[in-house]
Each structure stands twice: as C-alpha cells, then as structure tokens.
Protein backbone atom coordinates (compact mmCIF):
# COMPACT_ATOMS: atom_id res chain seq x y z
CA MET A 1 41.37 -61.18 28.06
CA PHE A 2 44.99 -60.58 29.95
CA LYS A 3 46.22 -59.77 26.36
CA ASN A 4 44.07 -57.09 25.70
CA LYS A 5 44.00 -55.66 29.66
CA PHE A 6 47.97 -55.67 28.85
CA ALA A 7 47.57 -54.05 25.56
CA ALA A 8 45.39 -51.27 27.14
CA ILE A 9 47.83 -50.61 29.96
CA LEU A 10 50.58 -50.33 27.51
CA LEU A 11 48.40 -47.64 25.21
CA CYS A 12 47.48 -45.58 28.09
CA THR A 13 50.96 -45.72 29.40
CA PHE A 14 52.34 -44.26 25.69
CA ILE A 15 49.47 -41.62 25.89
CA ILE A 16 50.60 -40.60 29.55
CA ILE A 17 54.35 -40.36 28.41
CA THR A 18 53.74 -38.79 25.19
CA THR A 19 51.81 -36.12 26.72
CA LEU A 20 54.41 -35.53 29.22
CA GLY A 21 57.21 -35.73 26.70
CA PHE A 22 55.50 -32.79 24.72
CA SER A 23 55.39 -30.74 27.66
CA LYS A 24 58.78 -30.83 29.11
CA VAL A 25 61.00 -32.28 26.51
CA ILE A 26 60.96 -29.26 24.25
CA VAL A 27 63.22 -26.75 25.35
CA THR A 28 64.71 -23.54 24.02
CA ALA A 29 68.30 -22.51 23.55
CA SER A 30 68.14 -20.19 26.57
CA GLU A 31 66.75 -23.36 28.84
CA ILE A 32 69.78 -25.65 27.73
CA VAL A 33 71.28 -27.30 31.11
CA SER A 34 74.40 -25.69 32.16
CA LEU A 35 77.52 -27.93 32.35
CA GLU A 36 80.56 -27.45 34.65
CA VAL A 37 83.72 -28.89 34.61
CA ASN A 38 87.00 -28.71 36.62
CA VAL A 39 90.15 -28.16 34.86
CA LYS A 40 91.60 -30.35 37.10
CA GLN A 41 89.75 -33.36 36.19
CA PHE A 42 91.38 -32.85 32.79
CA GLY A 43 94.86 -32.89 34.16
CA ALA A 44 95.63 -29.12 34.82
CA LYS A 45 98.13 -28.94 37.82
CA GLY A 46 98.02 -25.35 38.87
CA ASP A 47 101.22 -25.28 40.27
CA GLY A 48 103.00 -22.78 38.68
CA HIS A 49 105.53 -24.60 36.82
CA THR A 50 103.50 -27.09 34.66
CA ASN A 51 102.12 -26.30 31.31
CA ASP A 52 98.36 -26.42 31.51
CA THR A 53 97.34 -25.35 28.26
CA LYS A 54 96.32 -28.90 27.09
CA ALA A 55 94.24 -30.01 29.96
CA ILE A 56 92.48 -26.30 29.74
CA LEU A 57 91.78 -26.62 26.17
CA ASN A 58 90.50 -29.92 26.99
CA ALA A 59 88.13 -28.74 29.73
CA VAL A 60 86.80 -26.17 27.38
CA LYS A 61 86.07 -28.59 24.22
CA SER A 62 84.10 -30.86 26.73
CA ILE A 63 81.42 -28.51 26.77
CA SER A 64 81.61 -26.69 23.49
CA LYS A 65 81.38 -30.00 21.79
CA THR A 66 77.96 -30.52 23.62
CA LYS A 67 76.67 -27.10 22.33
CA SER A 68 75.75 -26.55 25.61
CA LYS A 69 76.11 -23.54 27.84
CA GLY A 70 78.72 -24.14 30.70
CA ILE A 71 81.35 -23.13 33.16
CA VAL A 72 85.05 -24.15 33.19
CA PHE A 73 85.76 -24.01 37.13
CA PHE A 74 89.85 -23.16 37.81
CA PRO A 75 90.45 -24.10 41.73
CA THR A 76 93.15 -22.28 43.61
CA GLY A 77 96.19 -22.62 41.80
CA ASP A 78 98.96 -20.88 39.52
CA TYR A 79 98.21 -22.09 35.91
CA ILE A 80 100.66 -21.30 32.94
CA VAL A 81 99.57 -21.33 29.43
CA ASN A 82 101.49 -20.77 25.86
CA THR A 83 98.90 -19.74 23.78
CA THR A 84 95.58 -17.96 23.17
CA ILE A 85 92.90 -20.01 24.23
CA THR A 86 89.46 -19.36 22.89
CA ILE A 87 86.66 -19.45 24.93
CA PRO A 88 83.11 -20.14 22.90
CA ALA A 89 80.06 -18.28 23.15
CA GLY A 90 77.97 -19.36 26.00
CA VAL A 91 81.04 -20.91 28.01
CA SER A 92 82.20 -19.09 31.03
CA VAL A 93 84.98 -19.26 33.21
CA THR A 94 85.46 -18.79 37.18
CA GLY A 95 87.95 -19.54 39.90
CA ASP A 96 87.96 -19.27 43.66
CA SER A 97 89.19 -15.91 43.96
CA ARG A 98 91.48 -13.52 41.96
CA ASP A 99 93.66 -13.65 45.33
CA SER A 100 94.06 -17.45 44.55
CA THR A 101 93.19 -18.50 41.45
CA ILE A 102 95.95 -17.21 38.80
CA ILE A 103 96.37 -17.73 35.15
CA LYS A 104 99.43 -16.26 33.38
CA ARG A 105 101.75 -16.59 30.26
CA LEU A 106 105.40 -16.45 30.24
CA ASP A 107 106.00 -15.49 26.90
CA THR A 108 106.25 -12.26 25.52
CA LYS A 109 103.73 -12.81 22.36
CA SER A 110 101.46 -10.09 21.66
CA THR A 111 98.32 -12.38 22.05
CA ALA A 112 96.05 -12.64 24.80
CA ILE A 113 95.41 -15.53 27.34
CA PHE A 114 91.72 -15.51 26.37
CA ASN A 115 89.82 -14.80 23.34
CA LEU A 116 86.23 -14.62 24.46
CA LYS A 117 83.50 -15.04 22.32
CA GLY A 118 80.63 -13.58 23.73
CA ASN A 119 77.50 -14.48 26.10
CA GLN A 120 79.89 -15.24 28.98
CA ILE A 121 81.14 -14.13 32.41
CA ILE A 122 84.81 -14.18 33.48
CA ARG A 123 84.73 -14.12 37.56
CA ASP A 124 87.37 -14.43 40.53
CA ILE A 125 90.51 -14.77 38.39
CA ALA A 126 93.82 -13.15 38.34
CA PHE A 127 95.34 -12.79 34.81
CA LYS A 128 99.19 -11.88 34.22
CA SER A 129 100.29 -11.70 30.83
CA ARG A 130 101.54 -9.05 28.03
CA ILE A 131 98.03 -9.11 26.70
CA ASN A 132 95.15 -10.59 29.19
CA LEU A 133 91.61 -10.63 27.76
CA TYR A 134 90.72 -10.13 24.05
CA PRO A 135 86.86 -9.68 23.94
CA SER A 136 85.70 -10.54 20.35
CA GLY A 137 81.82 -11.30 21.14
CA ASP A 138 78.79 -9.30 22.29
CA ASP A 139 77.46 -9.50 25.78
CA ILE A 140 80.61 -10.28 28.15
CA THR A 141 80.81 -9.75 31.58
CA ILE A 142 83.99 -9.44 33.54
CA VAL A 143 84.07 -9.07 37.56
CA ASP A 144 86.13 -9.68 40.53
CA CYS A 145 89.06 -10.16 38.60
CA LYS A 146 92.72 -8.98 38.59
CA ILE A 147 94.57 -8.15 35.79
CA SER A 148 98.19 -7.04 35.29
CA GLY A 149 100.20 -6.82 31.94
CA THR A 150 102.91 -5.13 30.63
CA SER A 151 100.95 -3.73 27.62
CA GLN A 152 97.10 -4.35 27.79
CA GLY A 153 94.81 -5.77 30.33
CA ILE A 154 91.93 -5.91 28.09
CA GLN A 155 92.34 -5.25 24.43
CA ASN A 156 89.07 -4.35 22.76
CA ALA A 157 90.15 -4.33 19.14
CA SER A 158 87.06 -5.81 17.66
CA THR A 159 83.31 -4.28 17.36
CA ILE A 160 81.62 -5.72 20.23
CA LYS A 161 78.11 -4.67 22.14
CA GLY A 162 77.74 -5.17 25.70
CA LEU A 163 80.91 -5.53 27.50
CA THR A 164 80.82 -4.75 31.53
CA VAL A 165 83.74 -4.70 33.53
CA SER A 166 83.28 -4.14 37.32
CA ASN A 167 84.85 -4.81 40.79
CA THR A 168 88.26 -5.41 38.66
CA LEU A 169 91.76 -4.54 39.67
CA PHE A 170 94.36 -3.25 36.94
CA ASP A 171 97.60 -3.18 38.51
CA GLY A 172 100.75 -2.52 36.63
CA CYS A 173 99.27 -2.79 33.13
CA GLY A 174 100.29 -0.54 30.18
CA TYR A 175 96.86 0.60 29.02
CA GLY A 176 94.35 -1.04 31.30
CA ILE A 177 91.81 -1.08 29.04
CA LEU A 178 92.34 -0.27 25.34
CA SER A 179 89.52 0.20 23.02
CA ASN A 180 91.06 0.91 19.61
CA LYS A 181 90.90 -0.16 15.91
CA SER A 182 87.29 -0.90 15.60
CA PRO A 183 84.50 0.82 17.50
CA SER A 184 82.62 -0.67 20.00
CA TYR A 185 79.10 0.13 21.78
CA ASP A 186 77.51 -0.02 25.18
CA THR A 187 80.16 -0.63 27.68
CA THR A 188 80.24 -0.20 31.31
CA ILE A 189 83.38 0.09 33.53
CA SER A 190 82.14 0.34 37.34
CA ASP A 191 83.91 -0.12 40.45
CA CYS A 192 87.25 -0.75 39.15
CA ASN A 193 90.95 0.11 40.50
CA PHE A 194 93.27 1.27 38.21
CA ILE A 195 96.92 1.77 39.56
CA ASN A 196 100.55 2.04 38.47
CA SER A 197 99.84 2.19 34.61
CA THR A 198 102.93 2.84 32.48
CA ALA A 199 100.53 3.99 29.43
CA ASP A 200 97.13 5.08 29.62
CA ASP A 201 94.33 3.60 32.12
CA ILE A 202 91.67 3.62 29.98
CA GLU A 203 91.96 4.73 26.06
CA ILE A 204 88.81 4.96 23.60
CA ASN A 205 90.94 5.61 20.67
CA SER A 206 88.03 4.63 18.13
CA PRO A 207 84.66 6.02 17.16
CA SER A 208 83.04 4.11 19.75
CA LYS A 209 79.46 5.33 21.79
CA ARG A 210 77.84 4.80 24.89
CA PHE A 211 80.65 3.99 27.02
CA ILE A 212 79.76 4.41 31.07
CA ILE A 213 82.80 4.87 33.68
CA GLU A 214 81.66 4.91 37.15
CA ASN A 215 82.85 4.62 40.40
CA CYS A 216 86.28 4.07 39.51
CA ASN A 217 89.56 5.07 41.12
CA PHE A 218 92.75 6.10 39.25
CA LYS A 219 95.90 6.11 41.00
CA ASN A 220 99.52 6.52 40.50
CA ASN A 221 99.79 6.47 36.69
CA VAL A 222 103.67 6.47 36.44
CA SER A 223 104.14 7.06 32.84
CA LYS A 224 107.52 8.68 31.74
CA SER A 225 107.38 8.95 27.84
CA ILE A 226 105.10 9.33 25.17
CA SER A 227 106.23 6.52 23.51
CA SER A 228 104.67 4.74 26.39
CA GLY A 229 101.29 6.33 26.16
CA PHE A 230 100.57 9.71 27.28
CA GLY A 231 100.13 8.56 31.04
CA ILE A 232 96.43 9.74 31.11
CA GLY A 233 93.72 8.32 33.62
CA VAL A 234 90.95 8.09 30.91
CA ALA A 235 91.60 9.31 27.07
CA VAL A 236 88.63 9.90 25.02
CA HIS A 237 88.14 10.03 21.15
CA ALA A 238 84.71 8.98 21.16
CA LYS A 239 81.07 10.10 21.92
CA GLU A 240 78.36 9.53 24.11
CA ILE A 241 81.49 8.86 26.76
CA THR A 242 80.05 9.35 30.57
CA ILE A 243 82.33 9.59 33.53
CA ASN A 244 80.74 9.50 36.83
CA ASN A 245 81.94 9.67 40.23
CA CYS A 246 85.56 8.56 39.92
CA ASN A 247 88.42 9.69 41.57
CA PHE A 248 91.74 10.58 40.24
CA LEU A 249 94.91 10.73 42.31
CA ASN A 250 98.62 11.25 40.83
CA ILE A 251 98.01 11.15 37.00
CA ALA A 252 101.21 11.59 35.14
CA CYS A 253 99.71 13.92 32.46
CA GLN A 254 96.08 14.41 32.46
CA ALA A 255 93.30 12.89 34.72
CA ILE A 256 90.58 12.93 31.61
CA HIS A 257 91.76 13.82 28.02
CA CYS A 258 89.31 14.69 24.97
CA GLU A 259 90.10 15.34 21.74
CA ASP A 260 89.03 15.56 17.97
CA TYR A 261 85.57 14.88 17.74
CA SER A 262 84.78 13.44 21.19
CA GLU A 263 81.53 14.21 23.59
CA VAL A 264 81.76 13.64 26.92
CA THR A 265 79.97 14.16 30.28
CA ILE A 266 81.94 14.30 33.46
CA THR A 267 80.02 14.50 37.00
CA THR A 268 80.80 14.51 40.28
CA CYS A 269 84.66 13.49 39.78
CA THR A 270 87.40 14.37 42.49
CA PHE A 271 90.76 15.34 41.18
CA LYS A 272 94.24 15.69 42.93
CA ASN A 273 97.86 15.95 41.37
CA SER A 274 97.69 15.66 37.65
CA GLY A 275 100.47 16.71 35.15
CA ARG A 276 103.68 15.65 36.87
CA ASN A 277 106.21 18.72 36.00
CA LYS A 278 108.47 16.51 33.77
CA HIS A 279 106.09 14.58 31.78
CA PRO A 280 106.60 15.23 28.24
CA GLY A 281 102.79 15.16 27.20
CA ASN A 282 100.57 18.69 27.02
CA PRO A 283 98.89 20.24 28.46
CA HIS A 284 99.50 19.66 32.13
CA SER A 285 96.15 19.75 33.79
CA ASP A 286 93.09 17.32 35.46
CA ILE A 287 90.93 17.79 32.41
CA ALA A 288 91.92 18.66 28.80
CA VAL A 289 89.30 19.05 26.09
CA LEU A 290 91.05 20.21 23.04
CA SER A 291 90.41 20.53 19.02
CA SER A 292 86.57 20.30 18.82
CA ALA A 293 85.93 18.09 21.77
CA LYS A 294 83.02 18.79 23.58
CA ALA A 295 82.51 18.22 27.54
CA ASN A 296 79.85 18.95 30.15
CA ILE A 297 81.29 18.87 33.44
CA SER A 298 79.36 19.45 36.51
CA ASP A 299 79.74 18.75 40.32
CA CYS A 300 83.44 17.90 40.37
CA VAL A 301 85.91 19.03 42.92
CA PHE A 302 89.40 19.91 42.12
CA LEU A 303 91.98 19.65 45.11
CA LYS A 304 95.26 21.55 45.53
CA SER A 305 98.00 19.99 43.84
CA ASP A 306 101.12 18.82 45.80
CA SER A 307 104.53 20.17 44.60
CA GLY A 308 105.58 18.93 40.98
CA TYR A 309 102.04 18.73 39.60
CA SER A 310 99.97 21.34 37.80
CA VAL A 311 97.74 24.14 39.15
CA ILE A 312 95.73 23.88 36.09
CA GLY A 313 92.32 22.26 37.04
CA ILE A 314 90.30 22.54 33.26
CA TYR A 315 91.97 23.34 29.88
CA SER A 316 89.54 23.34 27.68
CA ASN A 317 88.58 24.62 24.03
CA ASN A 318 84.60 23.93 24.48
CA SER A 319 83.21 22.98 27.72
CA ILE A 320 80.27 23.56 29.83
CA ILE A 321 81.26 23.30 33.40
CA LYS A 322 78.54 23.97 36.36
CA GLY A 323 78.61 23.59 40.08
CA CYS A 324 82.55 22.54 40.20
CA LYS A 325 84.87 23.24 43.27
CA PHE A 326 88.70 24.36 42.51
CA TYR A 327 90.79 25.05 45.48
CA GLU A 328 94.02 26.71 44.11
CA LYS A 329 93.45 25.71 40.90
CA TRP A 330 92.56 27.82 37.72
CA CYS A 331 90.81 27.33 34.60
CA GLY A 332 91.35 28.56 30.89
CA TYR A 333 90.43 29.28 27.96
CA SER A 334 86.83 29.24 25.73
CA SER A 335 84.41 27.76 28.15
CA ASN A 336 81.38 28.80 29.88
CA TYR A 337 81.17 28.50 33.80
CA TYR A 338 78.36 28.60 35.80
CA ASP A 339 77.73 28.01 39.66
CA CYS A 340 81.54 27.24 40.19
CA GLU A 341 83.78 28.02 42.94
CA PHE A 342 87.19 29.15 43.00
CA TYR A 343 89.55 29.36 46.44
CA GLY A 344 92.96 30.39 47.05
CA ASP A 345 94.97 30.06 50.23
CA GLU A 346 93.11 32.49 52.88
CA ALA A 347 96.39 32.88 54.87
CA LEU A 348 97.88 34.77 52.45
CA ALA A 349 98.07 38.73 52.75
CA ALA A 350 96.64 41.27 50.15
CA GLY A 351 99.55 41.60 47.24
CA SER A 352 101.35 38.36 48.12
CA ARG A 353 98.07 36.07 46.83
CA LEU A 354 98.63 33.45 44.40
CA GLY A 355 96.88 31.92 41.84
CA LYS A 356 94.02 32.93 39.66
CA GLY A 357 90.43 31.69 38.98
CA ILE A 358 89.45 31.63 35.21
CA ASP A 359 91.96 32.95 32.37
CA SER A 360 91.25 33.91 29.15
CA PRO A 361 87.16 33.78 28.41
CA SER A 362 86.91 34.27 25.01
CA ALA A 363 84.24 36.40 23.11
CA GLN A 364 80.55 34.91 23.54
CA LYS A 365 81.79 32.72 26.77
CA ILE A 366 80.10 33.33 30.00
CA VAL A 367 81.23 33.35 33.70
CA SER A 368 77.50 33.46 35.45
CA ASN A 369 77.25 32.88 39.42
CA CYS A 370 80.37 31.89 40.28
CA LYS A 371 82.42 32.59 43.65
CA PHE A 372 86.15 33.78 43.59
CA SER A 373 87.90 34.11 47.20
CA ASN A 374 91.42 34.89 48.13
CA LEU A 375 93.05 34.83 44.77
CA SER A 376 95.39 37.10 42.65
CA VAL A 377 92.90 37.55 40.12
CA GLY A 378 89.42 36.25 39.84
CA VAL A 379 88.66 36.43 36.02
CA GLU A 380 91.79 37.75 33.88
CA PHE A 381 90.96 38.73 30.18
CA GLY A 382 93.98 37.19 28.11
CA TYR A 383 94.78 37.86 24.84
CA LEU A 384 94.45 35.97 21.29
CA ALA A 385 96.41 36.37 18.05
CA ALA A 386 93.26 37.61 16.25
CA GLY A 387 89.94 38.19 15.98
CA SER A 388 87.91 39.49 19.26
CA TYR A 389 88.24 38.14 22.80
CA GLY A 390 87.38 38.45 26.41
CA GLY A 391 83.77 37.39 27.50
CA THR A 392 80.81 38.21 29.80
CA VAL A 393 81.28 37.97 33.71
CA GLU A 394 77.76 38.60 35.39
CA HIS A 395 76.32 37.82 38.84
CA CYS A 396 79.62 36.54 40.42
CA VAL A 397 80.99 37.22 43.68
CA PHE A 398 84.76 38.31 44.25
CA THR A 399 86.07 38.39 47.62
CA ASN A 400 89.68 39.42 48.90
CA CYS A 401 91.07 39.06 45.39
CA ASP A 402 93.63 41.55 44.46
CA SER A 403 92.05 41.79 41.09
CA GLY A 404 88.37 40.68 40.70
CA THR A 405 88.46 41.17 36.74
CA ALA A 406 91.28 42.10 35.33
CA SER A 407 93.12 42.47 31.74
CA LYS A 408 96.43 40.93 30.85
CA ARG A 409 96.62 42.43 27.24
CA THR A 410 100.04 44.21 25.77
CA SER A 411 100.08 46.82 23.67
CA THR A 412 101.25 44.24 20.72
CA MET A 413 97.84 42.69 21.16
CA ILE A 414 95.62 45.87 21.79
CA TYR A 415 93.99 46.00 17.89
CA ALA A 416 92.94 41.81 18.30
CA GLY A 417 89.70 43.37 19.55
CA ALA A 418 88.11 43.63 23.14
CA SER A 419 84.78 42.81 24.02
CA GLU A 420 84.69 42.50 27.59
CA VAL A 421 81.27 42.84 29.55
CA VAL A 422 81.36 42.90 33.26
CA LYS A 423 78.14 43.17 34.93
CA ASN A 424 75.77 42.64 38.02
CA ASN A 425 78.66 41.69 40.14
CA LEU A 426 79.78 42.05 43.79
CA PHE A 427 83.55 43.03 44.42
CA LYS A 428 84.17 42.68 48.03
CA SER A 429 87.62 43.67 49.99
CA CYS A 430 89.56 43.48 46.69
CA ILE A 431 92.41 45.45 45.96
CA VAL A 432 91.00 46.25 42.65
CA GLY A 433 87.57 45.71 41.36
CA VAL A 434 87.49 46.00 37.83
CA SER A 435 90.93 46.70 35.88
CA LEU A 436 90.85 47.12 32.28
CA PRO A 437 93.61 49.31 31.39
CA ASN A 438 95.30 50.35 28.15
CA GLY A 439 97.88 47.90 26.63
CA GLY A 440 100.83 50.60 26.72
CA ASN A 441 99.47 53.72 25.04
CA ALA A 442 97.18 52.27 22.65
CA PRO A 443 93.48 53.23 23.81
CA ARG A 444 90.99 50.07 24.17
CA ARG A 445 88.22 49.07 22.00
CA ASN A 446 84.82 47.66 23.24
CA TYR A 447 83.84 47.05 26.73
CA THR A 448 80.84 47.28 29.05
CA VAL A 449 80.98 47.45 32.73
CA ILE A 450 77.36 48.08 34.42
CA ASN A 451 75.46 47.50 37.52
CA ASN A 452 78.29 46.34 39.73
CA LEU A 453 78.36 46.72 43.42
CA PHE A 454 81.63 47.17 45.38
CA SER A 455 82.47 47.15 48.91
CA SER A 456 85.60 48.04 50.95
CA CYS A 457 87.77 47.82 47.66
CA LYS A 458 90.80 50.15 47.70
CA SER A 459 90.23 50.56 43.73
CA ASP A 460 86.64 50.20 42.21
CA LEU A 461 87.72 50.57 38.62
CA ILE A 462 90.75 50.99 36.53
CA LEU A 463 89.54 51.84 33.16
CA GLY A 464 91.70 53.22 30.10
CA THR A 465 90.65 55.15 26.86
CA TYR A 466 88.68 53.72 24.20
CA ILE A 467 89.00 54.30 20.68
CA PRO A 468 86.40 56.64 19.46
CA GLY A 469 83.61 55.19 17.37
CA TYR A 470 83.47 51.81 19.29
CA LYS A 471 81.23 51.09 21.83
CA ARG A 472 82.33 51.79 25.80
CA LEU A 473 79.49 51.55 28.28
CA VAL A 474 80.14 52.23 32.05
CA SER A 475 77.04 52.94 34.05
CA ASN A 476 75.09 52.17 37.34
CA ASN A 477 78.35 50.98 39.24
CA LEU A 478 77.58 51.44 43.07
CA LYS A 479 80.16 52.02 45.99
CA ILE A 480 78.99 50.41 49.11
CA ILE A 481 79.91 52.21 52.10
CA PRO A 482 80.59 49.86 55.21
C-alpha cells in the first residue's frame, strides 16, 4: 500500500515537473541570460601603469566560451592594452563614465583597441590610441564615449550594417570617423561633437548608402596640409547621405565636401568660418559640391565669416538650394536657388557696398523668389569658356544693391553665347536695376528683360546692342514713381 502510494506520488511529481519543464526550459537565442563580468575580478589593475591586456582578454573569454550574451564592465580606472582585443558578437562593453574609465594603447601600431564583431553596445568609456574602434559586424551601438586618436577614432573599413554612434566626443583625432575601403549601410551618427581634428571629422570614402548625420557639432578643425587630410567637416563620396541640424565652426577647408557620384541632403545646418585662407585645399567655402555630385540644401544659415576665412557659402556644380539665409556670403556656379535670402552690410553706403549674392548662374539654372539686400551685386552673370551661359532670375526682390542683376563678361568671352532671362522682379533703391552691357565693343546675343518693376533706382536698365538675328526681348518693364 505504502509502496503504491509512494509510486503514485513520484509519478505525479514527474508529470508536473515534466510539464513545467517543457514550458520554461525551451528558450530561443534571444532569451539567453546575459552575464556581466568585472575586469578587475580577472586581475586588471586600471592603474595607468600595468599592462591589463591579459586580464581583459580573460574577462571577454569568460563570456564567449559560454556562448551567452554578456557585458564586460570596466570600473573607474586607466587601463593599458598592447594589442587589438576582439569583442565577440553579443558581448557588450561598459564603463563607469567616459570621464573616469579610460582604455588606451601606448604603442603606435595601426590597429584598433577593440575589434567589434556585432550585436553589441559600447558605452561610457574613453578610448585613446592611434586607432580606437574597428567595427566589423552588424548592429553595433557606440554611445556616451570619448575618443581621441592621432589617426582614426573609428575605423569603418569593413562592410557592416546598422552602426550607431551617439552622444560621443571626438577630441583631437586625425579622422573622427573614417568609412573607407568597403561600403557600409544604415549608419546613424547623432548628437556627437567633433573638435580639434587634424584630418576630416567624418569621411565617407566608399560607395556606402543611407548614412544619417544629425544634431552634431563640428568645431576647430586644425588641419594644416593636404597630407593630413583635407581639413573637412564631412567629406562625402557616397549616396543617400543626410546631414541634418548640424553646426560647423572654424573648419580648415570646407564644412561639407561632396564629389564624384555623391547624392547628399543637407538641412537646417549652420555654418561660420570655413576655408582658412592659408589652407591648401580648394575651393574654400562652407559647402562644395563638385564634379557630378548632387545636393539638396535647404533651410541652412550661412553666417558672416571672421577675417581669415572664406566668404563663399556654397560652391556648387549641381545643387537645389531652398530657403537658406546668407550673411555677407556669396554663392556661385550651376545651381538652382529658391526662396533664399542674401544680406550685405546695411551700414555701408551706396557705391561702397561689398559682396554679392549669386555669381555665374549658368544656362537652364533658375534663381527664383529670392531676396537680395545691401550688396554690390545681387546676381552676377559670369562667363564660361564655351557654350551658353546666364540663367533665369525671376520673382526676386533687390533692395539697396549697387546693381540688382549684372554681367561681368569681357569682350573676349562675348562670343561664348548669352542667354540671360530677367523677369518679374522688383528692384528697389538700387544704383542700377539691370545692367547687361556689351563686352568691349562686341554686341550681345540672346537676352530677355520683361515684366520687371523699378522703384527709386538711379538707372533702371543698362542694355547693350545685340547681334541681329539673335533673340532680344525687352518689354513691360515699369518704373514705380515714389
């Protein structure tokens, strides 16, 4: 009787345990319990003198050999390593704070402190080495860190997806983040500060896609020569790049440089002091969009430069520029401008005003709904070596400009062609509203000046003769009597 009752109890217990086991023991990889280890438990000193490489390696191995996710924790200290430490996928690294936990290499080898294999977070640590972090796996987050390095802060040379860098200070790096050799995708760099770089703050020099750079500050790039980088805030050779709500101050060459096949969107950024006079990189400007690159630039502010820095806001071969404001800055070459505002020094009297708004809009380019105030020239038609030049200026307002629209072509360039269209604009208190004179004694070719209003200008129109057989249309231009 007792034996049967005991057996029945055992059977029931087995059934209950088995049932519970099937509901709780089966786990997926994402549910594996994370382990946390402290590097000091493995002998790390963190005293700024001891080589802690072996202790750190042992701490990392203690997690990786369990095939679990985990965290390697560095308490406050100054840790020295002498080789690259591979951090396996799923293993994260944290410290007390970027002001109190420091990991550094004292040698000058061109290899990183950490090789990051993916699916991990690096947080609250300061890194100091020639090269600091090398992401080589997907889904990596670097947050609340401080990075200093004479060569590269983050070396992004492998093809990876899902790199996020946020709230991190890059101080005194060569390149802050260098993405080269292999393309990467879906990278976000946000709320970071880049100061005192000697090369480029960020360079995307590979056919990457989908980079977002937002809410970042770029300050005091101190590059002195091309051999140490171009001295650029963000250098782009890639597509689907977005730069949003960033500030650029005291940049040695250009704040943003786009070339080759790049496609870039730049929004709500502020620029002051780009293109230091003695820096060898060209062109000196806040933004340069060169060769076949394309940029959409909107709602940005270009502040007056201090002495020793460039007065060029945008130097672009192929951009669409909307809603931007320029203070004693001028822009040039083949781009479209919509709803922009250009301001000169309002304290300067007529005839002594400095600066221009837009220089050399080429054929088929448009300047529309823009405002130009207190400038020597609002829009200046330039000259090119061959082909048609000029463009369309429409629905704009020119106030207190020595000349609203003007031509600077010379007699040697007159036969390259001309196709200026100036229509539906208002010219207020300008010395000359529209000035399209001949180059030397050579007559002009095509031009159209129609439906413009002139108010309190000393001279409304100055137009030269034209070549018979070419198109010239001058009509419906009205003078407003004050």
